[in-house]
Amino acid sequence: MIICDRQGSFFPGKDADKVMNKHKETFQGQGITEYAIIIALVVSVAVMSLEAAGTSVREVFCRVLDGLGASSQYCESAYCQSSFDSMDGWESAKGFGWEARDGQLCNTSNAWRNYLYNQCSMEDHVPDDYTVHLNGATLSEGNGYGIFFRLQNYDDRPNGYAFQYDPGLRGFVVRKWVNGHEINPPIVRNRVPGYDWHGSARDLEVQVKGDTFTAFVDGEEVLTFTDPNYESGGVGLRTWDSTSVCMDNFSIEPLR
């Protein structure tokens, strides 16, 4: 057998077989590389499509695992969490007003504006979309407490949203904050006549996804709303009007 290369040289016999094998390996290598590029392009388009639809790749991955009855530390880990053994990871706007006490976070000041910010939520590894959990919050006196989310301006003039129970409005509300001021009327209100916010340990959850936000109390959805103003930001807590409240656990987790 005789073969001619691209430069016109001839390779008789066994040399021809070597050349053929070499060309075969080259073509196989090219094929694998091309397939890898095509797969990478398909995956990139799929990822961009999911993100454009408001769905994270992490969310899809975790849903698939959940459907298969499997689990992954990647899906279970929280972005931020605190069992309130100490005040590590928390910053008060005024430098006082809160303390870690017997494994709980409790406010110690009845000041009208009492803000506490979660420092972890300000870091780059926390995405714009997340779920906030506040567990075992027990209000013993005063008018209430709230959860800031999509929070900006970590000082005494916060911007963002706050979810809370408002006794004056007799229901759950979300208020927009601009430069430390609550904007009236609330963005959304769910009136719950006869609801008692005091004396019971409450579990709160706020789901933050795109421009849509949903709040739960003790596992029950209490309100949802859409607002485009604050597209990113961290998490904080607030109390007001002679309030005394203690809380058991806090976490910021991926959306489920």
C-alpha atoms as a PDB file:
ATOM      1  CA  MET A   1       0.000   0.000   0.000  1.00  0.00           C
ATOM      2  CA  ILE A   2       1.258   3.494  -0.890  1.00  0.00           C
ATOM      3  CA  ILE A   3      -0.039   6.732   0.558  1.00  0.00           C
ATOM      4  CA  CYS A   4       0.739  10.329  -0.271  1.00  0.00           C
ATOM      5  CA  ASP A   5       0.872  13.070   2.366  1.00  0.00           C
ATOM      6  CA  ARG A   6      -0.195  16.678   1.793  1.00  0.00           C
ATOM      7  CA  GLN A   7       3.295  17.673   0.631  1.00  0.00           C
ATOM      8  CA  GLY A   8       3.373  14.985  -2.080  1.00  0.00           C
ATOM      9  CA  SER A   9       5.692  12.484  -0.269  1.00  0.00           C
ATOM     10  CA  PHE A  10       4.963   8.749  -0.654  1.00  0.00           C
ATOM     11  CA  PHE A  11       4.956   6.168   2.191  1.00  0.00           C
ATOM     12  CA  PRO A  12       5.068   2.549   1.088  1.00  0.00           C
ATOM     13  CA  GLY A  13       4.237  -0.545   3.202  1.00  0.00           C
ATOM     14  CA  LYS A  14       4.368  -0.350   7.020  1.00  0.00           C
ATOM     15  CA  ASP A  15       5.128   3.366   6.952  1.00  0.00           C
ATOM     16  CA  ALA A  16       1.759   3.901   5.308  1.00  0.00           C
ATOM     17  CA  ASP A  17       0.017   2.038   8.163  1.00  0.00           C
ATOM     18  CA  LYS A  18       1.747   4.265  10.719  1.00  0.00           C
ATOM     19  CA  VAL A  19       0.646   7.382   8.879  1.00  0.00           C
ATOM     20  CA  MET A  20      -2.934   6.118   8.647  1.00  0.00           C
ATOM     21  CA  ASN A  21      -3.038   5.371  12.379  1.00  0.00           C
ATOM     22  CA  LYS A  22      -1.605   8.802  13.142  1.00  0.00           C
ATOM     23  CA  HIS A  23      -4.265  10.502  11.009  1.00  0.00           C
ATOM     24  CA  LYS A  24      -6.968   8.347  12.589  1.00  0.00           C
ATOM     25  CA  GLU A  25      -5.898   9.421  16.099  1.00  0.00           C
ATOM     26  CA  THR A  26      -5.875  13.059  14.970  1.00  0.00           C
ATOM     27  CA  PHE A  27      -9.413  12.818  13.589  1.00  0.00           C
ATOM     28  CA  GLN A  28     -10.641  11.045  16.754  1.00  0.00           C
ATOM     29  CA  GLY A  29      -9.089  13.793  18.905  1.00  0.00           C
ATOM     30  CA  GLN A  30     -10.741  16.430  16.759  1.00  0.00           C
ATOM     31  CA  GLY A  31     -14.087  14.700  17.148  1.00  0.00           C
ATOM     32  CA  ILE A  32     -13.888  14.629  20.951  1.00  0.00           C
ATOM     33  CA  THR A  33     -12.905  18.300  21.075  1.00  0.00           C
ATOM     34  CA  GLU A  34     -15.753  19.288  18.780  1.00  0.00           C
ATOM     35  CA  TYR A  35     -18.262  17.313  20.841  1.00  0.00           C
ATOM     36  CA  ALA A  36     -16.985  19.002  24.011  1.00  0.00           C
ATOM     37  CA  ILE A  37     -17.425  22.447  22.436  1.00  0.00           C
ATOM     38  CA  ILE A  38     -20.968  21.600  21.295  1.00  0.00           C
ATOM     39  CA  ILE A  39     -21.912  20.276  24.754  1.00  0.00           C
ATOM     40  CA  ALA A  40     -20.429  23.375  26.407  1.00  0.00           C
ATOM     41  CA  LEU A  41     -22.478  25.619  24.084  1.00  0.00           C
ATOM     42  CA  VAL A  42     -25.679  23.672  24.797  1.00  0.00           C
ATOM     43  CA  VAL A  43     -25.080  23.867  28.551  1.00  0.00           C
ATOM     44  CA  SER A  44     -24.330  27.609  28.328  1.00  0.00           C
ATOM     45  CA  VAL A  45     -27.570  28.269  26.422  1.00  0.00           C
ATOM     46  CA  ALA A  46     -29.530  26.157  28.926  1.00  0.00           C
ATOM     47  CA  VAL A  47     -28.013  28.011  31.892  1.00  0.00           C
ATOM     48  CA  MET A  48     -28.751  31.422  30.350  1.00  0.00           C
ATOM     49  CA  SER A  49     -32.324  30.349  29.570  1.00  0.00           C
ATOM     50  CA  LEU A  50     -32.885  29.188  33.146  1.00  0.00           C
ATOM     51  CA  GLU A  51     -31.471  32.379  34.599  1.00  0.00           C
ATOM     52  CA  ALA A  52     -33.553  34.494  32.232  1.00  0.00           C
ATOM     53  CA  ALA A  53     -36.618  32.620  33.494  1.00  0.00           C
ATOM     54  CA  GLY A  54     -35.637  33.366  37.091  1.00  0.00           C
ATOM     55  CA  THR A  55     -34.549  29.810  37.934  1.00  0.00           C
ATOM     56  CA  SER A  56     -31.064  29.093  39.266  1.00  0.00           C
ATOM     57  CA  VAL A  57     -29.074  26.057  38.122  1.00  0.00           C
ATOM     58  CA  ARG A  58     -28.596  25.187  41.776  1.00  0.00           C
ATOM     59  CA  GLU A  59     -32.372  25.166  42.221  1.00  0.00           C
ATOM     60  CA  VAL A  60     -32.888  22.797  39.272  1.00  0.00           C
ATOM     61  CA  PHE A  61     -30.090  20.497  40.451  1.00  0.00           C
ATOM     62  CA  CYS A  62     -31.504  20.303  43.962  1.00  0.00           C
ATOM     63  CA  ARG A  63     -35.036  19.696  42.694  1.00  0.00           C
ATOM     64  CA  VAL A  64     -33.811  16.771  40.587  1.00  0.00           C
ATOM     65  CA  LEU A  65     -31.989  15.274  43.574  1.00  0.00           C
ATOM     66  CA  ASP A  66     -35.049  15.746  45.746  1.00  0.00           C
ATOM     67  CA  GLY A  67     -37.213  13.990  43.144  1.00  0.00           C
ATOM     68  CA  LEU A  68     -34.808  11.055  43.115  1.00  0.00           C
ATOM     69  CA  GLY A  69     -34.847  10.866  46.894  1.00  0.00           C
ATOM     70  CA  ALA A  70     -31.174  11.830  47.031  1.00  0.00           C
ATOM     71  CA  SER A  71     -29.383  14.612  48.884  1.00  0.00           C
ATOM     72  CA  SER A  72     -26.276  16.722  48.561  1.00  0.00           C
ATOM     73  CA  GLN A  73     -24.381  18.980  50.918  1.00  0.00           C
ATOM     74  CA  TYR A  74     -24.406  21.463  48.041  1.00  0.00           C
ATOM     75  CA  CYS A  75     -28.195  21.729  48.436  1.00  0.00           C
ATOM     76  CA  GLU A  76     -28.365  21.581  52.206  1.00  0.00           C
ATOM     77  CA  SER A  77     -25.791  24.172  53.189  1.00  0.00           C
ATOM     78  CA  ALA A  78     -26.863  27.656  54.284  1.00  0.00           C
ATOM     79  CA  TYR A  79     -25.252  30.821  53.019  1.00  0.00           C
ATOM     80  CA  CYS A  80     -25.349  32.271  56.536  1.00  0.00           C
ATOM     81  CA  GLN A  81     -26.557  30.934  59.879  1.00  0.00           C
ATOM     82  CA  SER A  82     -26.500  31.768  63.566  1.00  0.00           C
ATOM     83  CA  SER A  83     -27.611  29.877  66.658  1.00  0.00           C
ATOM     84  CA  PHE A  84     -27.021  33.034  68.733  1.00  0.00           C
ATOM     85  CA  ASP A  85     -24.351  31.551  70.974  1.00  0.00           C
ATOM     86  CA  SER A  86     -22.670  34.917  70.518  1.00  0.00           C
ATOM     87  CA  MET A  87     -23.086  38.186  68.645  1.00  0.00           C
ATOM     88  CA  ASP A  88     -20.455  37.199  66.086  1.00  0.00           C
ATOM     89  CA  GLY A  89     -21.594  38.152  62.589  1.00  0.00           C
ATOM     90  CA  TRP A  90     -24.050  40.815  63.757  1.00  0.00           C
ATOM     91  CA  GLU A  91     -23.704  44.573  63.821  1.00  0.00           C
ATOM     92  CA  SER A  92     -26.009  47.061  65.513  1.00  0.00           C
ATOM     93  CA  ALA A  93     -26.581  50.382  63.768  1.00  0.00           C
ATOM     94  CA  LYS A  94     -25.955  52.196  67.043  1.00  0.00           C
ATOM     95  CA  GLY A  95     -23.549  49.719  68.612  1.00  0.00           C
ATOM     96  CA  PHE A  96     -25.976  48.566  71.299  1.00  0.00           C
ATOM     97  CA  GLY A  97     -29.508  47.255  71.805  1.00  0.00           C
ATOM     98  CA  TRP A  98     -28.977  43.503  71.365  1.00  0.00           C
ATOM     99  CA  GLU A  99     -27.285  40.617  73.172  1.00  0.00           C
ATOM    100  CA  ALA A 100     -26.802  36.849  72.918  1.00  0.00           C
ATOM    101  CA  ARG A 101     -28.389  35.346  76.026  1.00  0.00           C
ATOM    102  CA  ASP A 102     -28.654  31.614  76.799  1.00  0.00           C
ATOM    103  CA  GLY A 103     -28.542  30.644  73.128  1.00  0.00           C
ATOM    104  CA  GLN A 104     -30.997  33.322  72.062  1.00  0.00           C
ATOM    105  CA  LEU A 105     -30.790  36.741  70.483  1.00  0.00           C
ATOM    106  CA  CYS A 106     -32.661  39.307  72.579  1.00  0.00           C
ATOM    107  CA  ASN A 107     -33.088  43.038  72.271  1.00  0.00           C
ATOM    108  CA  THR A 108     -31.979  45.044  75.289  1.00  0.00           C
ATOM    109  CA  SER A 109     -33.084  48.536  74.283  1.00  0.00           C
ATOM    110  CA  ASN A 110     -36.561  49.879  73.688  1.00  0.00           C
ATOM    111  CA  ALA A 111     -35.379  52.630  71.388  1.00  0.00           C
ATOM    112  CA  TRP A 112     -37.795  53.534  68.602  1.00  0.00           C
ATOM    113  CA  ARG A 113     -35.243  52.679  65.918  1.00  0.00           C
ATOM    114  CA  ASN A 114     -33.306  49.580  66.829  1.00  0.00           C
ATOM    115  CA  TYR A 115     -31.588  47.957  63.835  1.00  0.00           C
ATOM    116  CA  LEU A 116     -29.364  44.859  63.709  1.00  0.00           C
ATOM    117  CA  TYR A 117     -27.574  43.798  60.523  1.00  0.00           C
ATOM    118  CA  ASN A 118     -26.304  40.361  59.508  1.00  0.00           C
ATOM    119  CA  GLN A 119     -22.750  40.874  58.270  1.00  0.00           C
ATOM    120  CA  CYS A 120     -22.574  37.536  56.451  1.00  0.00           C
ATOM    121  CA  SER A 121     -25.489  38.567  54.219  1.00  0.00           C
ATOM    122  CA  MET A 122     -23.407  41.481  52.918  1.00  0.00           C
ATOM    123  CA  GLU A 123     -20.681  39.184  51.524  1.00  0.00           C
ATOM    124  CA  ASP A 124     -20.181  38.261  47.868  1.00  0.00           C
ATOM    125  CA  HIS A 125     -21.047  34.559  48.265  1.00  0.00           C
ATOM    126  CA  VAL A 126     -24.673  35.405  49.132  1.00  0.00           C
ATOM    127  CA  PRO A 127     -26.681  35.826  45.884  1.00  0.00           C
ATOM    128  CA  ASP A 128     -29.487  38.319  45.272  1.00  0.00           C
ATOM    129  CA  ASP A 129     -32.114  35.567  45.718  1.00  0.00           C
ATOM    130  CA  TYR A 130     -32.385  33.661  48.999  1.00  0.00           C
ATOM    131  CA  THR A 131     -34.681  32.467  51.782  1.00  0.00           C
ATOM    132  CA  VAL A 132     -34.499  33.987  55.272  1.00  0.00           C
ATOM    133  CA  HIS A 133     -35.468  31.869  58.290  1.00  0.00           C
ATOM    134  CA  LEU A 134     -36.013  33.262  61.785  1.00  0.00           C
ATOM    135  CA  ASN A 135     -37.054  30.571  64.272  1.00  0.00           C
ATOM    136  CA  GLY A 136     -38.524  30.649  67.746  1.00  0.00           C
ATOM    137  CA  ALA A 137     -39.117  34.408  67.889  1.00  0.00           C
ATOM    138  CA  THR A 138     -41.124  35.160  71.034  1.00  0.00           C
ATOM    139  CA  LEU A 139     -42.537  38.632  71.581  1.00  0.00           C
ATOM    140  CA  SER A 140     -43.166  39.237  75.294  1.00  0.00           C
ATOM    141  CA  GLU A 141     -44.126  42.904  75.216  1.00  0.00           C
ATOM    142  CA  GLY A 142     -44.323  45.899  72.911  1.00  0.00           C
ATOM    143  CA  ASN A 143     -45.575  46.211  69.365  1.00  0.00           C
ATOM    144  CA  GLY A 144     -43.201  44.080  67.394  1.00  0.00           C
ATOM    145  CA  TYR A 145     -40.193  43.123  65.345  1.00  0.00           C
ATOM    146  CA  GLY A 146     -39.454  42.708  61.677  1.00  0.00           C
ATOM    147  CA  ILE A 147     -37.084  41.189  59.122  1.00  0.00           C
ATOM    148  CA  PHE A 148     -35.233  43.457  56.708  1.00  0.00           C
ATOM    149  CA  PHE A 149     -34.397  41.968  53.295  1.00  0.00           C
ATOM    150  CA  ARG A 150     -32.788  43.318  50.128  1.00  0.00           C
ATOM    151  CA  LEU A 151     -31.288  45.657  52.683  1.00  0.00           C
ATOM    152  CA  GLN A 152     -28.935  48.494  51.742  1.00  0.00           C
ATOM    153  CA  ASN A 153     -27.255  51.244  53.781  1.00  0.00           C
ATOM    154  CA  TYR A 154     -26.116  49.317  56.851  1.00  0.00           C
ATOM    155  CA  ASP A 155     -26.346  52.218  59.263  1.00  0.00           C
ATOM    156  CA  ASP A 156     -29.075  54.238  60.919  1.00  0.00           C
ATOM    157  CA  ARG A 157     -30.664  55.088  57.546  1.00  0.00           C
ATOM    158  CA  PRO A 158     -31.456  51.745  55.890  1.00  0.00           C
ATOM    159  CA  ASN A 159     -32.980  51.194  52.463  1.00  0.00           C
ATOM    160  CA  GLY A 160     -34.840  47.994  51.663  1.00  0.00           C
ATOM    161  CA  TYR A 161     -37.966  46.100  52.641  1.00  0.00           C
ATOM    162  CA  ALA A 162     -39.215  45.004  56.068  1.00  0.00           C
ATOM    163  CA  PHE A 163     -41.697  42.217  56.805  1.00  0.00           C
ATOM    164  CA  GLN A 164     -43.520  42.419  60.143  1.00  0.00           C
ATOM    165  CA  TYR A 165     -46.789  42.118  61.980  1.00  0.00           C
ATOM    166  CA  ASP A 166     -48.222  45.582  62.509  1.00  0.00           C
ATOM    167  CA  PRO A 167     -50.681  45.782  65.457  1.00  0.00           C
ATOM    168  CA  GLY A 168     -51.870  49.228  64.355  1.00  0.00           C
ATOM    169  CA  LEU A 169     -52.939  47.819  60.973  1.00  0.00           C
ATOM    170  CA  ARG A 170     -54.029  44.495  62.497  1.00  0.00           C
ATOM    171  CA  GLY A 171     -52.164  42.379  60.029  1.00  0.00           C
ATOM    172  CA  PHE A 172     -48.970  41.363  58.305  1.00  0.00           C
ATOM    173  CA  VAL A 173     -47.324  44.022  56.173  1.00  0.00           C
ATOM    174  CA  VAL A 174     -44.253  44.735  54.084  1.00  0.00           C
ATOM    175  CA  ARG A 175     -42.984  48.287  54.156  1.00  0.00           C
ATOM    176  CA  LYS A 176     -40.466  49.917  51.876  1.00  0.00           C
ATOM    177  CA  TRP A 177     -37.683  51.825  53.632  1.00  0.00           C
ATOM    178  CA  VAL A 178     -35.954  54.846  52.104  1.00  0.00           C
ATOM    179  CA  ASN A 179     -33.092  56.539  53.967  1.00  0.00           C
ATOM    180  CA  GLY A 180     -34.290  55.219  57.314  1.00  0.00           C
ATOM    181  CA  HIS A 181     -37.959  56.105  56.815  1.00  0.00           C
ATOM    182  CA  GLU A 182     -40.914  53.753  56.447  1.00  0.00           C
ATOM    183  CA  ILE A 183     -42.964  54.612  53.402  1.00  0.00           C
ATOM    184  CA  ASN A 184     -46.740  54.722  53.872  1.00  0.00           C
ATOM    185  CA  PRO A 185     -48.952  53.066  52.962  1.00  0.00           C
ATOM    186  CA  PRO A 186     -47.330  49.599  53.142  1.00  0.00           C
ATOM    187  CA  ILE A 187     -46.563  47.898  49.822  1.00  0.00           C
ATOM    188  CA  VAL A 188     -48.809  45.036  50.847  1.00  0.00           C
ATOM    189  CA  ARG A 189     -51.018  44.227  53.837  1.00  0.00           C
ATOM    190  CA  ASN A 190     -52.853  41.086  54.900  1.00  0.00           C
ATOM    191  CA  ARG A 191     -55.289  41.931  57.645  1.00  0.00           C
ATOM    192  CA  VAL A 192     -55.748  39.122  60.193  1.00  0.00           C
ATOM    193  CA  PRO A 193     -58.411  40.143  62.757  1.00  0.00           C
ATOM    194  CA  GLY A 194     -57.890  38.769  66.248  1.00  0.00           C
ATOM    195  CA  TYR A 195     -54.343  37.543  65.568  1.00  0.00           C
ATOM    196  CA  ASP A 196     -52.143  37.497  68.699  1.00  0.00           C
ATOM    197  CA  TRP A 197     -48.459  38.150  67.953  1.00  0.00           C
ATOM    198  CA  HIS A 198     -47.437  37.858  71.624  1.00  0.00           C
ATOM    199  CA  GLY A 199     -46.408  35.017  73.904  1.00  0.00           C
ATOM    200  CA  SER A 200     -45.836  32.290  71.303  1.00  0.00           C
ATOM    201  CA  ALA A 201     -42.643  31.189  69.572  1.00  0.00           C
ATOM    202  CA  ARG A 202     -43.067  32.040  65.888  1.00  0.00           C
ATOM    203  CA  ASP A 203     -41.137  30.731  62.889  1.00  0.00           C
ATOM    204  CA  LEU A 204     -40.790  33.307  60.107  1.00  0.00           C
ATOM    205  CA  GLU A 205     -39.644  32.780  56.529  1.00  0.00           C
ATOM    206  CA  VAL A 206     -39.206  35.251  53.684  1.00  0.00           C
ATOM    207  CA  GLN A 207     -38.508  34.020  50.157  1.00  0.00           C
ATOM    208  CA  VAL A 208     -36.685  36.580  48.018  1.00  0.00           C
ATOM    209  CA  LYS A 209     -36.717  35.803  44.294  1.00  0.00           C
ATOM    210  CA  GLY A 210     -36.250  38.387  41.567  1.00  0.00           C
ATOM    211  CA  ASP A 211     -38.845  41.080  42.176  1.00  0.00           C
ATOM    212  CA  THR A 212     -41.294  38.713  43.917  1.00  0.00           C
ATOM    213  CA  PHE A 213     -41.324  38.183  47.682  1.00  0.00           C
ATOM    214  CA  THR A 214     -43.341  35.754  49.798  1.00  0.00           C
ATOM    215  CA  ALA A 215     -43.615  35.617  53.598  1.00  0.00           C
ATOM    216  CA  PHE A 216     -44.617  32.709  55.819  1.00  0.00           C
ATOM    217  CA  VAL A 217     -45.398  32.465  59.539  1.00  0.00           C
ATOM    218  CA  ASP A 218     -45.362  29.044  61.196  1.00  0.00           C
ATOM    219  CA  GLY A 219     -45.290  27.430  57.759  1.00  0.00           C
ATOM    220  CA  GLU A 220     -48.345  29.266  56.424  1.00  0.00           C
ATOM    221  CA  GLU A 221     -48.099  31.820  53.621  1.00  0.00           C
ATOM    222  CA  VAL A 222     -49.321  35.180  54.907  1.00  0.00           C
ATOM    223  CA  LEU A 223     -48.557  37.494  51.975  1.00  0.00           C
ATOM    224  CA  THR A 224     -46.788  37.882  48.653  1.00  0.00           C
ATOM    225  CA  PHE A 225     -45.998  40.922  46.530  1.00  0.00           C
ATOM    226  CA  THR A 226     -43.958  42.213  43.610  1.00  0.00           C
ATOM    227  CA  ASP A 227     -41.773  45.318  43.611  1.00  0.00           C
ATOM    228  CA  PRO A 228     -38.778  46.146  41.375  1.00  0.00           C
ATOM    229  CA  ASN A 229     -37.053  48.865  43.412  1.00  0.00           C
ATOM    230  CA  TYR A 230     -34.421  46.923  45.377  1.00  0.00           C
ATOM    231  CA  GLU A 231     -32.703  44.294  43.250  1.00  0.00           C
ATOM    232  CA  SER A 232     -30.026  43.231  45.743  1.00  0.00           C
ATOM    233  CA  GLY A 233     -29.092  43.569  49.382  1.00  0.00           C
ATOM    234  CA  GLY A 234     -28.644  41.813  52.694  1.00  0.00           C
ATOM    235  CA  VAL A 235     -30.709  40.943  55.750  1.00  0.00           C
ATOM    236  CA  GLY A 236     -31.329  42.559  59.125  1.00  0.00           C
ATOM    237  CA  LEU A 237     -33.713  42.727  62.081  1.00  0.00           C
ATOM    238  CA  ARG A 238     -35.584  45.567  63.719  1.00  0.00           C
ATOM    239  CA  THR A 239     -37.706  46.267  66.777  1.00  0.00           C
ATOM    240  CA  TRP A 240     -39.734  49.318  67.757  1.00  0.00           C
ATOM    241  CA  ASP A 241     -42.018  50.841  70.368  1.00  0.00           C
ATOM    242  CA  SER A 242     -41.002  49.314  73.753  1.00  0.00           C
ATOM    243  CA  THR A 243     -40.588  45.814  72.334  1.00  0.00           C
ATOM    244  CA  SER A 244     -39.027  42.853  74.126  1.00  0.00           C
ATOM    245  CA  VAL A 245     -38.344  39.830  71.911  1.00  0.00           C
ATOM    246  CA  CYS A 246     -35.956  36.833  71.915  1.00  0.00           C
ATOM    247  CA  MET A 247     -35.134  34.567  68.951  1.00  0.00           C
ATOM    248  CA  ASP A 248     -33.661  31.047  68.717  1.00  0.00           C
ATOM    249  CA  ASN A 249     -32.055  30.583  65.280  1.00  0.00           C
ATOM    250  CA  PHE A 250     -31.397  32.467  62.072  1.00  0.00           C
ATOM    251  CA  SER A 251     -30.309  31.367  58.603  1.00  0.00           C
ATOM    252  CA  ILE A 252     -30.134  32.518  54.995  1.00  0.00           C
ATOM    253  CA  GLU A 253     -30.511  29.559  52.654  1.00  0.00           C
ATOM    254  CA  PRO A 254     -30.803  28.824  48.926  1.00  0.00           C
ATOM    255  CA  LEU A 255     -34.286  28.988  47.423  1.00  0.00           C
ATOM    256  CA  ARG A 256     -36.006  25.629  47.252  1.00  0.00           C
END
